[in-house]
Structures are given as structure tokens and as C-alpha cells.
Amino acid sequence: MILVVFRSRNRPDGDLEEYSRRSKRLHELVQQHPGFISIESFETPDGEEVSLELFENEESVKAWRDNPEHRDTQRWAREHFYSWYSAQVSEVIRAYDVDLMAQKETAAAS
């Protein structure tokens, strides 16, 4: 798996309505992208936006990076919306997913 961590800060005069529209569209588009696993987005208390994206492999990440609509939105955001951004792309070495509540429910049912 490949994890993409995208962090950004907005310009004070950025068009939030347009950014929201474009962001919603990209979230819809990536859901259909081959090799896409998940995306989680949130804002930190100090206003930084963070997006955590998981893909099956590097080829899928590269294909998403090269998607024309994604490229267009990236260009628009650099020119009109972001004051700063960073991206890290990493290979996931190990992953765990443990639902502790499910284990308690199973134990209680026994």
C-alpha cells in the first residue's frame, strides 16, 4: 500500500466556495479510481488541512497524480488558493486494523 499525506494552508483571500466545489468533485472522482483504497481529510486546530490517501500501489498513485481533472484542480489551487502545501508519499510497511469493541462484544456474547 502507498500512503499519500497532503497538507495545506489556505490564503486569507482564497475562494472557499470554489475550493469546496473542486474538493468535493475530486473526492468523488478518486473513489472511482482503480487502486484507490480510502481518503480521510480533516483540519487541525490551527487551520492546516490534512488529507490521508491510501492506494494499492505506486502505479495507482501515479495514475491519479496524472488525472487531467486532478491536475487542473492542483494548478488552480496553487495559483489561487494555497499559501503553502506539502506532500509525502510513503510505502506502508505494516498496517493494523483492530476493532476493540467488536472483540468485547464477541466475548460478552460467549
PDB file of N, CA and C in Angstrom:
ATOM      1  N   MET A   1       0.833  -1.182   0.000  1.00  0.00           N
ATOM      2  CA  MET A   1       0.000   0.000   0.000  1.00  0.00           C
ATOM      3  C   MET A   1       0.877   1.245   0.000  1.00  0.00           C
ATOM      4  N   ILE A   2       0.327   2.298  -0.566  1.00  0.00           N
ATOM      5  CA  ILE A   2       1.004   3.586  -0.604  1.00  0.00           C
ATOM      6  C   ILE A   2       0.143   4.605   0.134  1.00  0.00           C
ATOM      7  N   LEU A   3       0.774   5.365   1.028  1.00  0.00           N
ATOM      8  CA  LEU A   3       0.096   6.425   1.770  1.00  0.00           C
ATOM      9  C   LEU A   3       0.566   7.772   1.259  1.00  0.00           C
ATOM     10  N   VAL A   4      -0.384   8.612   0.869  1.00  0.00           N
ATOM     11  CA  VAL A   4      -0.087   9.981   0.465  1.00  0.00           C
ATOM     12  C   VAL A   4      -0.620  10.896   1.564  1.00  0.00           C
ATOM     13  N   VAL A   5       0.265  11.720   2.111  1.00  0.00           N
ATOM     14  CA  VAL A   5      -0.124  12.704   3.117  1.00  0.00           C
ATOM     15  C   VAL A   5      -0.008  14.071   2.456  1.00  0.00           C
ATOM     16  N   PHE A   6      -1.152  14.743   2.311  1.00  0.00           N
ATOM     17  CA  PHE A   6      -1.168  16.070   1.705  1.00  0.00           C
ATOM     18  C   PHE A   6      -1.604  17.066   2.761  1.00  0.00           C
ATOM     19  N   ARG A   7      -0.768  18.089   2.966  1.00  0.00           N
ATOM     20  CA  ARG A   7      -1.045  19.132   3.956  1.00  0.00           C
ATOM     21  C   ARG A   7      -1.059  20.477   3.249  1.00  0.00           C
ATOM     22  N   SER A   8      -1.947  21.366   3.691  1.00  0.00           N
ATOM     23  CA  SER A   8      -2.012  22.677   3.049  1.00  0.00           C
ATOM     24  C   SER A   8      -2.539  23.743   4.000  1.00  0.00           C
ATOM     25  N   ARG A   9      -2.239  24.969   3.637  1.00  0.00           N
ATOM     26  CA  ARG A   9      -2.788  26.158   4.304  1.00  0.00           C
ATOM     27  C   ARG A   9      -3.386  27.041   3.214  1.00  0.00           C
ATOM     28  N   ASN A  10      -4.485  27.665   3.547  1.00  0.00           N
ATOM     29  CA  ASN A  10      -5.203  28.493   2.586  1.00  0.00           C
ATOM     30  C   ASN A  10      -4.772  29.953   2.672  1.00  0.00           C
ATOM     31  N   ARG A  11      -4.879  30.632   1.550  1.00  0.00           N
ATOM     32  CA  ARG A  11      -4.680  32.079   1.535  1.00  0.00           C
ATOM     33  C   ARG A  11      -5.878  32.731   2.229  1.00  0.00           C
ATOM     34  N   PRO A  12      -5.650  33.848   2.914  1.00  0.00           N
ATOM     35  CA  PRO A  12      -6.773  34.525   3.580  1.00  0.00           C
ATOM     36  C   PRO A  12      -7.871  34.951   2.596  1.00  0.00           C
ATOM     37  N   ASP A  13      -7.495  35.244   1.358  1.00  0.00           N
ATOM     38  CA  ASP A  13      -8.472  35.706   0.363  1.00  0.00           C
ATOM     39  C   ASP A  13      -8.917  34.586  -0.584  1.00  0.00           C
ATOM     40  N   GLY A  14      -8.621  33.335  -0.229  1.00  0.00           N
ATOM     41  CA  GLY A  14      -8.979  32.204  -1.090  1.00  0.00           C
ATOM     42  C   GLY A  14     -10.489  32.036  -1.217  1.00  0.00           C
ATOM     43  N   ASP A  15     -10.921  31.589  -2.374  1.00  0.00           N
ATOM     44  CA  ASP A  15     -12.340  31.371  -2.663  1.00  0.00           C
ATOM     45  C   ASP A  15     -12.758  30.017  -2.083  1.00  0.00           C
ATOM     46  N   LEU A  16     -13.275  30.035  -0.842  1.00  0.00           N
ATOM     47  CA  LEU A  16     -13.647  28.798  -0.157  1.00  0.00           C
ATOM     48  C   LEU A  16     -14.759  28.045  -0.877  1.00  0.00           C
ATOM     49  N   GLU A  17     -15.682  28.754  -1.480  1.00  0.00           N
ATOM     50  CA  GLU A  17     -16.785  28.101  -2.189  1.00  0.00           C
ATOM     51  C   GLU A  17     -16.267  27.307  -3.388  1.00  0.00           C
ATOM     52  N   GLU A  18     -15.387  27.918  -4.173  1.00  0.00           N
ATOM     53  CA  GLU A  18     -14.816  27.238  -5.336  1.00  0.00           C
ATOM     54  C   GLU A  18     -13.932  26.065  -4.895  1.00  0.00           C
ATOM     55  N   TYR A  19     -13.150  26.281  -3.853  1.00  0.00           N
ATOM     56  CA  TYR A  19     -12.293  25.204  -3.339  1.00  0.00           C
ATOM     57  C   TYR A  19     -13.135  24.030  -2.859  1.00  0.00           C
ATOM     58  N   SER A  20     -14.189  24.308  -2.151  1.00  0.00           N
ATOM     59  CA  SER A  20     -15.079  23.260  -1.656  1.00  0.00           C
ATOM     60  C   SER A  20     -15.700  22.476  -2.808  1.00  0.00           C
ATOM     61  N   ARG A  21     -16.135  23.182  -3.848  1.00  0.00           N
ATOM     62  CA  ARG A  21     -16.725  22.534  -5.017  1.00  0.00           C
ATOM     63  C   ARG A  21     -15.709  21.611  -5.686  1.00  0.00           C
ATOM     64  N   ARG A  22     -14.510  22.125  -5.907  1.00  0.00           N
ATOM     65  CA  ARG A  22     -13.468  21.325  -6.556  1.00  0.00           C
ATOM     66  C   ARG A  22     -13.042  20.143  -5.689  1.00  0.00           C
ATOM     67  N   SER A  23     -12.918  20.365  -4.403  1.00  0.00           N
ATOM     68  CA  SER A  23     -12.518  19.303  -3.484  1.00  0.00           C
ATOM     69  C   SER A  23     -13.561  18.184  -3.460  1.00  0.00           C
ATOM     70  N   LYS A  24     -14.816  18.554  -3.405  1.00  0.00           N
ATOM     71  CA  LYS A  24     -15.890  17.554  -3.424  1.00  0.00           C
ATOM     72  C   LYS A  24     -15.831  16.734  -4.707  1.00  0.00           C
ATOM     73  N   ARG A  25     -15.618  17.397  -5.830  1.00  0.00           N
ATOM     74  CA  ARG A  25     -15.538  16.703  -7.114  1.00  0.00           C
ATOM     75  C   ARG A  25     -14.363  15.716  -7.136  1.00  0.00           C
ATOM     76  N   LEU A  26     -13.196  16.134  -6.642  1.00  0.00           N
ATOM     77  CA  LEU A  26     -12.038  15.234  -6.629  1.00  0.00           C
ATOM     78  C   LEU A  26     -12.271  14.042  -5.709  1.00  0.00           C
ATOM     79  N   HIS A  27     -12.932  14.267  -4.580  1.00  0.00           N
ATOM     80  CA  HIS A  27     -13.233  13.148  -3.683  1.00  0.00           C
ATOM     81  C   HIS A  27     -14.144  12.140  -4.380  1.00  0.00           C
ATOM     82  N   GLU A  28     -15.108  12.621  -5.151  1.00  0.00           N
ATOM     83  CA  GLU A  28     -15.990  11.726  -5.920  1.00  0.00           C
ATOM     84  C   GLU A  28     -15.187  10.973  -6.983  1.00  0.00           C
ATOM     85  N   LEU A  29     -14.304  11.698  -7.663  1.00  0.00           N
ATOM     86  CA  LEU A  29     -13.525  11.122  -8.750  1.00  0.00           C
ATOM     87  C   LEU A  29     -12.542  10.059  -8.245  1.00  0.00           C
ATOM     88  N   VAL A  30     -11.843  10.338  -7.155  1.00  0.00           N
ATOM     89  CA  VAL A  30     -10.845   9.387  -6.657  1.00  0.00           C
ATOM     90  C   VAL A  30     -11.511   8.099  -6.163  1.00  0.00           C
ATOM     91  N   GLN A  31     -12.755   8.189  -5.693  1.00  0.00           N
ATOM     92  CA  GLN A  31     -13.471   6.996  -5.238  1.00  0.00           C
ATOM     93  C   GLN A  31     -13.607   5.967  -6.364  1.00  0.00           C
ATOM     94  N   GLN A  32     -13.620   6.432  -7.612  1.00  0.00           N
ATOM     95  CA  GLN A  32     -13.781   5.561  -8.776  1.00  0.00           C
ATOM     96  C   GLN A  32     -12.437   5.137  -9.378  1.00  0.00           C
ATOM     97  N   HIS A  33     -11.356   5.680  -8.852  1.00  0.00           N
ATOM     98  CA  HIS A  33     -10.027   5.457  -9.426  1.00  0.00           C
ATOM     99  C   HIS A  33      -9.523   4.043  -9.109  1.00  0.00           C
ATOM    100  N   PRO A  34      -9.070   3.301 -10.114  1.00  0.00           N
ATOM    101  CA  PRO A  34      -8.536   1.948  -9.867  1.00  0.00           C
ATOM    102  C   PRO A  34      -7.359   1.986  -8.894  1.00  0.00           C
ATOM    103  N   GLY A  35      -7.410   1.136  -7.884  1.00  0.00           N
ATOM    104  CA  GLY A  35      -6.333   1.065  -6.905  1.00  0.00           C
ATOM    105  C   GLY A  35      -6.518   1.972  -5.704  1.00  0.00           C
ATOM    106  N   PHE A  36      -7.531   2.824  -5.731  1.00  0.00           N
ATOM    107  CA  PHE A  36      -7.810   3.690  -4.591  1.00  0.00           C
ATOM    108  C   PHE A  36      -8.398   2.865  -3.457  1.00  0.00           C
ATOM    109  N   ILE A  37      -7.952   3.124  -2.222  1.00  0.00           N
ATOM    110  CA  ILE A  37      -8.476   2.407  -1.057  1.00  0.00           C
ATOM    111  C   ILE A  37      -9.325   3.332  -0.188  1.00  0.00           C
ATOM    112  N   SER A  38      -8.749   4.460   0.250  1.00  0.00           N
ATOM    113  CA  SER A  38      -9.504   5.333   1.151  1.00  0.00           C
ATOM    114  C   SER A  38      -8.901   6.729   1.193  1.00  0.00           C
ATOM    115  N   ILE A  39      -9.707   7.660   1.709  1.00  0.00           N
ATOM    116  CA  ILE A  39      -9.244   9.025   1.950  1.00  0.00           C
ATOM    117  C   ILE A  39      -9.888   9.536   3.224  1.00  0.00           C
ATOM    118  N   GLU A  40      -9.096  10.177   4.039  1.00  0.00           N
ATOM    119  CA  GLU A  40      -9.566  10.827   5.260  1.00  0.00           C
ATOM    120  C   GLU A  40      -9.028  12.252   5.220  1.00  0.00           C
ATOM    121  N   SER A  41      -9.900  13.209   5.438  1.00  0.00           N
ATOM    122  CA  SER A  41      -9.486  14.608   5.434  1.00  0.00           C
ATOM    123  C   SER A  41      -9.962  15.275   6.711  1.00  0.00           C
ATOM    124  N   PHE A  42      -9.132  16.156   7.238  1.00  0.00           N
ATOM    125  CA  PHE A  42      -9.510  16.887   8.443  1.00  0.00           C
ATOM    126  C   PHE A  42      -8.726  18.187   8.516  1.00  0.00           C
ATOM    127  N   GLU A  43      -9.166  19.061   9.413  1.00  0.00           N
ATOM    128  CA  GLU A  43      -8.483  20.331   9.631  1.00  0.00           C
ATOM    129  C   GLU A  43      -7.941  20.341  11.057  1.00  0.00           C
ATOM    130  N   THR A  44      -6.700  20.773  11.217  1.00  0.00           N
ATOM    131  CA  THR A  44      -6.098  20.846  12.539  1.00  0.00           C
ATOM    132  C   THR A  44      -6.622  22.092  13.259  1.00  0.00           C
ATOM    133  N   PRO A  45      -6.460  22.157  14.566  1.00  0.00           N
ATOM    134  CA  PRO A  45      -6.946  23.329  15.308  1.00  0.00           C
ATOM    135  C   PRO A  45      -6.352  24.657  14.825  1.00  0.00           C
ATOM    136  N   ASP A  46      -5.150  24.622  14.265  1.00  0.00           N
ATOM    137  CA  ASP A  46      -4.537  25.869  13.792  1.00  0.00           C
ATOM    138  C   ASP A  46      -4.810  26.152  12.308  1.00  0.00           C
ATOM    139  N   GLY A  47      -5.728  25.402  11.692  1.00  0.00           N
ATOM    140  CA  GLY A  47      -6.174  25.721  10.340  1.00  0.00           C
ATOM    141  C   GLY A  47      -5.491  24.981   9.205  1.00  0.00           C
ATOM    142  N   GLU A  48      -4.581  24.073   9.495  1.00  0.00           N
ATOM    143  CA  GLU A  48      -3.949  23.292   8.435  1.00  0.00           C
ATOM    144  C   GLU A  48      -4.902  22.193   7.987  1.00  0.00           C
ATOM    145  N   GLU A  49      -5.016  22.010   6.679  1.00  0.00           N
ATOM    146  CA  GLU A  49      -5.828  20.915   6.155  1.00  0.00           C
ATOM    147  C   GLU A  49      -4.917  19.734   5.875  1.00  0.00           C
ATOM    148  N   VAL A  50      -5.395  18.534   6.249  1.00  0.00           N
ATOM    149  CA  VAL A  50      -4.613  17.311   6.082  1.00  0.00           C
ATOM    150  C   VAL A  50      -5.482  16.278   5.385  1.00  0.00           C
ATOM    151  N   SER A  51      -4.905  15.629   4.395  1.00  0.00           N
ATOM    152  CA  SER A  51      -5.593  14.558   3.676  1.00  0.00           C
ATOM    153  C   SER A  51      -4.696  13.329   3.693  1.00  0.00           C
ATOM    154  N   LEU A  52      -5.252  12.196   4.132  1.00  0.00           N
ATOM    155  CA  LEU A  52      -4.534  10.922   4.158  1.00  0.00           C
ATOM    156  C   LEU A  52      -5.183  10.020   3.116  1.00  0.00           C
ATOM    157  N   GLU A  53      -4.432   9.653   2.094  1.00  0.00           N
ATOM    158  CA  GLU A  53      -4.966   8.864   0.985  1.00  0.00           C
ATOM    159  C   GLU A  53      -4.204   7.548   0.887  1.00  0.00           C
ATOM    160  N   LEU A  54      -4.946   6.453   0.791  1.00  0.00           N
ATOM    161  CA  LEU A  54      -4.335   5.132   0.629  1.00  0.00           C
ATOM    162  C   LEU A  54      -4.643   4.587  -0.754  1.00  0.00           C
ATOM    163  N   PHE A  55      -3.606   4.041  -1.398  1.00  0.00           N
ATOM    164  CA  PHE A  55      -3.717   3.415  -2.706  1.00  0.00           C
ATOM    165  C   PHE A  55      -3.086   2.035  -2.639  1.00  0.00           C
ATOM    166  N   GLU A  56      -3.506   1.160  -3.530  1.00  0.00           N
ATOM    167  CA  GLU A  56      -2.977  -0.206  -3.544  1.00  0.00           C
ATOM    168  C   GLU A  56      -1.501  -0.267  -3.914  1.00  0.00           C
ATOM    169  N   ASN A  57      -1.070   0.618  -4.850  1.00  0.00           N
ATOM    170  CA  ASN A  57       0.310   0.551  -5.328  1.00  0.00           C
ATOM    171  C   ASN A  57       0.726   1.890  -5.928  1.00  0.00           C
ATOM    172  N   GLU A  58       2.013   1.972  -6.248  1.00  0.00           N
ATOM    173  CA  GLU A  58       2.569   3.213  -6.772  1.00  0.00           C
ATOM    174  C   GLU A  58       2.006   3.564  -8.148  1.00  0.00           C
ATOM    175  N   GLU A  59       1.717   2.562  -8.961  1.00  0.00           N
ATOM    176  CA  GLU A  59       1.151   2.822 -10.292  1.00  0.00           C
ATOM    177  C   GLU A  59      -0.190   3.545 -10.180  1.00  0.00           C
ATOM    178  N   SER A  60      -0.985   3.150  -9.203  1.00  0.00           N
ATOM    179  CA  SER A  60      -2.279   3.799  -8.981  1.00  0.00           C
ATOM    180  C   SER A  60      -2.095   5.253  -8.546  1.00  0.00           C
ATOM    181  N   VAL A  61      -1.127   5.490  -7.681  1.00  0.00           N
ATOM    182  CA  VAL A  61      -0.838   6.865  -7.231  1.00  0.00           C
ATOM    183  C   VAL A  61      -0.402   7.717  -8.418  1.00  0.00           C
ATOM    184  N   LYS A  62       0.481   7.190  -9.245  1.00  0.00           N
ATOM    185  CA  LYS A  62       0.955   7.935 -10.415  1.00  0.00           C
ATOM    186  C   LYS A  62      -0.178   8.228 -11.383  1.00  0.00           C
ATOM    187  N   ALA A  63      -1.055   7.265 -11.602  1.00  0.00           N
ATOM    188  CA  ALA A  63      -2.193   7.479 -12.497  1.00  0.00           C
ATOM    189  C   ALA A  63      -3.126   8.547 -11.938  1.00  0.00           C
ATOM    190  N   TRP A  64      -3.335   8.556 -10.621  1.00  0.00           N
ATOM    191  CA  TRP A  64      -4.177   9.586 -10.002  1.00  0.00           C
ATOM    192  C   TRP A  64      -3.501  10.952 -10.127  1.00  0.00           C
ATOM    193  N   ARG A  65      -2.203  10.991  -9.883  1.00  0.00           N
ATOM    194  CA  ARG A  65      -1.454  12.246  -9.999  1.00  0.00           C
ATOM    195  C   ARG A  65      -1.599  12.820 -11.412  1.00  0.00           C
ATOM    196  N   ASP A  66      -1.639  11.946 -12.416  1.00  0.00           N
ATOM    197  CA  ASP A  66      -1.686  12.387 -13.806  1.00  0.00           C
ATOM    198  C   ASP A  66      -3.102  12.572 -14.352  1.00  0.00           C
ATOM    199  N   ASN A  67      -4.124  12.315 -13.539  1.00  0.00           N
ATOM    200  CA  ASN A  67      -5.506  12.512 -13.984  1.00  0.00           C
ATOM    201  C   ASN A  67      -5.699  13.978 -14.382  1.00  0.00           C
ATOM    202  N   PRO A  68      -6.204  14.259 -15.600  1.00  0.00           N
ATOM    203  CA  PRO A  68      -6.316  15.640 -16.075  1.00  0.00           C
ATOM    204  C   PRO A  68      -7.147  16.561 -15.169  1.00  0.00           C
ATOM    205  N   GLU A  69      -8.245  16.071 -14.647  1.00  0.00           N
ATOM    206  CA  GLU A  69      -9.072  16.909 -13.775  1.00  0.00           C
ATOM    207  C   GLU A  69      -8.355  17.186 -12.445  1.00  0.00           C
ATOM    208  N   HIS A  70      -7.652  16.191 -11.945  1.00  0.00           N
ATOM    209  CA  HIS A  70      -6.864  16.368 -10.727  1.00  0.00           C
ATOM    210  C   HIS A  70      -5.761  17.403 -10.973  1.00  0.00           C
ATOM    211  N   ARG A  71      -5.073  17.279 -12.105  1.00  0.00           N
ATOM    212  CA  ARG A  71      -4.014  18.235 -12.471  1.00  0.00           C
ATOM    213  C   ARG A  71      -4.555  19.660 -12.568  1.00  0.00           C
ATOM    214  N   ASP A  72      -5.715  19.809 -13.187  1.00  0.00           N
ATOM    215  CA  ASP A  72      -6.318  21.139 -13.343  1.00  0.00           C
ATOM    216  C   ASP A  72      -6.630  21.758 -11.978  1.00  0.00           C
ATOM    217  N   THR A  73      -7.182  20.961 -11.076  1.00  0.00           N
ATOM    218  CA  THR A  73      -7.505  21.473  -9.741  1.00  0.00           C
ATOM    219  C   THR A  73      -6.237  21.788  -8.961  1.00  0.00           C
ATOM    220  N   GLN A  74      -5.206  20.982  -9.102  1.00  0.00           N
ATOM    221  CA  GLN A  74      -3.927  21.273  -8.447  1.00  0.00           C
ATOM    222  C   GLN A  74      -3.383  22.622  -8.913  1.00  0.00           C
ATOM    223  N   ARG A  75      -3.407  22.830 -10.219  1.00  0.00           N
ATOM    224  CA  ARG A  75      -2.909  24.085 -10.785  1.00  0.00           C
ATOM    225  C   ARG A  75      -3.715  25.273 -10.237  1.00  0.00           C
ATOM    226  N   TRP A  76      -5.046  25.145 -10.259  1.00  0.00           N
ATOM    227  CA  TRP A  76      -5.903  26.222  -9.753  1.00  0.00           C
ATOM    228  C   TRP A  76      -5.581  26.525  -8.283  1.00  0.00           C
ATOM    229  N   ALA A  77      -5.456  25.473  -7.461  1.00  0.00           N
ATOM    230  CA  ALA A  77      -5.198  25.675  -6.031  1.00  0.00           C
ATOM    231  C   ALA A  77      -3.849  26.344  -5.788  1.00  0.00           C
ATOM    232  N   ARG A  78      -2.826  25.957  -6.540  1.00  0.00           N
ATOM    233  CA  ARG A  78      -1.509  26.609  -6.394  1.00  0.00           C
ATOM    234  C   ARG A  78      -1.581  28.078  -6.779  1.00  0.00           C
ATOM    235  N   GLU A  79      -2.307  28.379  -7.833  1.00  0.00           N
ATOM    236  CA  GLU A  79      -2.364  29.750  -8.342  1.00  0.00           C
ATOM    237  C   GLU A  79      -3.319  30.647  -7.563  1.00  0.00           C
ATOM    238  N   HIS A  80      -4.379  30.054  -6.980  1.00  0.00           N
ATOM    239  CA  HIS A  80      -5.439  30.896  -6.419  1.00  0.00           C
ATOM    240  C   HIS A  80      -5.822  30.613  -4.970  1.00  0.00           C
ATOM    241  N   PHE A  81      -5.399  29.504  -4.401  1.00  0.00           N
ATOM    242  CA  PHE A  81      -5.956  29.160  -3.096  1.00  0.00           C
ATOM    243  C   PHE A  81      -4.935  28.887  -1.998  1.00  0.00           C
ATOM    244  N   TYR A  82      -3.934  28.065  -2.259  1.00  0.00           N
ATOM    245  CA  TYR A  82      -2.981  27.698  -1.211  1.00  0.00           C
ATOM    246  C   TYR A  82      -1.962  28.797  -0.961  1.00  0.00           C
ATOM    247  N   SER A  83      -1.625  28.972   0.334  1.00  0.00           N
ATOM    248  CA  SER A  83      -0.469  29.802   0.675  1.00  0.00           C
ATOM    249  C   SER A  83       0.751  28.905   0.865  1.00  0.00           C
ATOM    250  N   TRP A  84       0.500  27.619   1.139  1.00  0.00           N
ATOM    251  CA  TRP A  84       1.565  26.640   1.377  1.00  0.00           C
ATOM    252  C   TRP A  84       0.963  25.242   1.249  1.00  0.00           C
ATOM    253  N   TYR A  85       1.771  24.294   0.786  1.00  0.00           N
ATOM    254  CA  TYR A  85       1.345  22.894   0.788  1.00  0.00           C
ATOM    255  C   TYR A  85       2.556  21.981   0.787  1.00  0.00           C
ATOM    256  N   SER A  86       2.329  20.735   1.214  1.00  0.00           N
ATOM    257  CA  SER A  86       3.383  19.722   1.148  1.00  0.00           C
ATOM    258  C   SER A  86       2.729  18.373   0.890  1.00  0.00           C
ATOM    259  N   ALA A  87       3.505  17.476   0.313  1.00  0.00           N
ATOM    260  CA  ALA A  87       3.024  16.121   0.055  1.00  0.00           C
ATOM    261  C   ALA A  87       4.138  15.137   0.380  1.00  0.00           C
ATOM    262  N   GLN A  88       3.758  14.056   1.030  1.00  0.00           N
ATOM    263  CA  GLN A  88       4.683  12.960   1.286  1.00  0.00           C
ATOM    264  C   GLN A  88       4.026  11.691   0.752  1.00  0.00           C
ATOM    265  N   VAL A  89       4.813  10.897   0.058  1.00  0.00           N
ATOM    266  CA  VAL A  89       4.325   9.628  -0.482  1.00  0.00           C
ATOM    267  C   VAL A  89       5.211   8.539   0.114  1.00  0.00           C
ATOM    268  N   SER A  90       4.561   7.596   0.809  1.00  0.00           N
ATOM    269  CA  SER A  90       5.314   6.569   1.528  1.00  0.00           C
ATOM    270  C   SER A  90       4.726   5.191   1.277  1.00  0.00           C
ATOM    271  N   GLU A  91       5.589   4.205   1.298  1.00  0.00           N
ATOM    272  CA  GLU A  91       5.128   2.824   1.225  1.00  0.00           C
ATOM    273  C   GLU A  91       4.765   2.374   2.640  1.00  0.00           C
ATOM    274  N   VAL A  92       3.612   1.762   2.784  1.00  0.00           N
ATOM    275  CA  VAL A  92       3.176   1.258   4.085  1.00  0.00           C
ATOM    276  C   VAL A  92       3.894  -0.068   4.328  1.00  0.00           C
ATOM    277  N   ILE A  93       4.649  -0.111   5.376  1.00  0.00           N
ATOM    278  CA  ILE A  93       5.403  -1.317   5.703  1.00  0.00           C
ATOM    279  C   ILE A  93       4.543  -2.292   6.487  1.00  0.00           C
ATOM    280  N   ARG A  94       3.732  -1.772   7.368  1.00  0.00           N
ATOM    281  CA  ARG A  94       2.892  -2.605   8.220  1.00  0.00           C
ATOM    282  C   ARG A  94       1.613  -1.834   8.486  1.00  0.00           C
ATOM    283  N   ALA A  95       0.491  -2.536   8.591  1.00  0.00           N
ATOM    284  CA  ALA A  95      -0.785  -1.892   8.902  1.00  0.00           C
ATOM    285  C   ALA A  95      -1.596  -2.794   9.819  1.00  0.00           C
ATOM    286  N   TYR A  96      -2.247  -2.187  10.785  1.00  0.00           N
ATOM    287  CA  TYR A  96      -3.104  -2.919  11.716  1.00  0.00           C
ATOM    288  C   TYR A  96      -4.477  -2.275  11.712  1.00  0.00           C
ATOM    289  N   ASP A  97      -5.487  -3.082  11.880  1.00  0.00           N
ATOM    290  CA  ASP A  97      -6.855  -2.597  11.996  1.00  0.00           C
ATOM    291  C   ASP A  97      -7.531  -3.478  13.029  1.00  0.00           C
ATOM    292  N   VAL A  98      -7.612  -2.996  14.258  1.00  0.00           N
ATOM    293  CA  VAL A  98      -8.141  -3.787  15.362  1.00  0.00           C
ATOM    294  C   VAL A  98      -9.368  -3.082  15.919  1.00  0.00           C
ATOM    295  N   ASP A  99     -10.504  -3.744  15.861  1.00  0.00           N
ATOM    296  CA  ASP A  99     -11.742  -3.201  16.417  1.00  0.00           C
ATOM    297  C   ASP A  99     -11.905  -3.771  17.821  1.00  0.00           C
ATOM    298  N   LEU A 100     -11.484  -3.020  18.821  1.00  0.00           N
ATOM    299  CA  LEU A 100     -11.511  -3.496  20.197  1.00  0.00           C
ATOM    300  C   LEU A 100     -12.930  -3.668  20.728  1.00  0.00           C
ATOM    301  N   MET A 101     -13.854  -2.883  20.230  1.00  0.00           N
ATOM    302  CA  MET A 101     -15.242  -3.013  20.670  1.00  0.00           C
ATOM    303  C   MET A 101     -15.846  -4.312  20.139  1.00  0.00           C
ATOM    304  N   ALA A 102     -15.521  -4.705  18.930  1.00  0.00           N
ATOM    305  CA  ALA A 102     -16.033  -5.955  18.369  1.00  0.00           C
ATOM    306  C   ALA A 102     -15.540  -7.141  19.192  1.00  0.00           C
ATOM    307  N   GLN A 103     -14.304  -7.072  19.664  1.00  0.00           N
ATOM    308  CA  GLN A 103     -13.770  -8.151  20.478  1.00  0.00           C
ATOM    309  C   GLN A 103     -14.523  -8.245  21.805  1.00  0.00           C
ATOM    310  N   LYS A 104     -14.863  -7.093  22.395  1.00  0.00           N
ATOM    311  CA  LYS A 104     -15.603  -7.085  23.658  1.00  0.00           C
ATOM    312  C   LYS A 104     -17.011  -7.622  23.461  1.00  0.00           C
ATOM    313  N   GLU A 105     -17.628  -7.247  22.331  1.00  0.00           N
ATOM    314  CA  GLU A 105     -18.981  -7.729  22.043  1.00  0.00           C
ATOM    315  C   GLU A 105     -18.982  -9.249  21.834  1.00  0.00           C
ATOM    316  N   THR A 106     -17.976  -9.755  21.165  1.00  0.00           N
ATOM    317  CA  THR A 106     -17.865 -11.204  20.927  1.00  0.00           C
ATOM    318  C   THR A 106     -17.656 -11.925  22.249  1.00  0.00           C
ATOM    319  N   ALA A 107     -16.799 -11.393  23.112  1.00  0.00           N
ATOM    320  CA  ALA A 107     -16.535 -12.013  24.412  1.00  0.00           C
ATOM    321  C   ALA A 107     -17.785 -12.003  25.290  1.00  0.00           C
ATOM    322  N   ALA A 108     -18.533 -10.918  25.247  1.00  0.00           N
ATOM    323  CA  ALA A 108     -19.752 -10.805  26.064  1.00  0.00           C
ATOM    324  C   ALA A 108     -20.838 -11.774  25.593  1.00  0.00           C
ATOM    325  N   ALA A 109     -20.866 -12.058  24.304  1.00  0.00           N
ATOM    326  CA  ALA A 109     -21.868 -12.950  23.743  1.00  0.00           C
ATOM    327  C   ALA A 109     -21.576 -14.415  24.055  1.00  0.00           C
ATOM    328  N   SER A 110     -20.325 -14.724  24.382  1.00  0.00           N
ATOM    329  CA  SER A 110     -19.932 -16.126  24.653  1.00  0.00           C
ATOM    330  C   SER A 110     -20.484 -16.620  25.960  1.00  0.00           C
TER     331      SER A 110
END
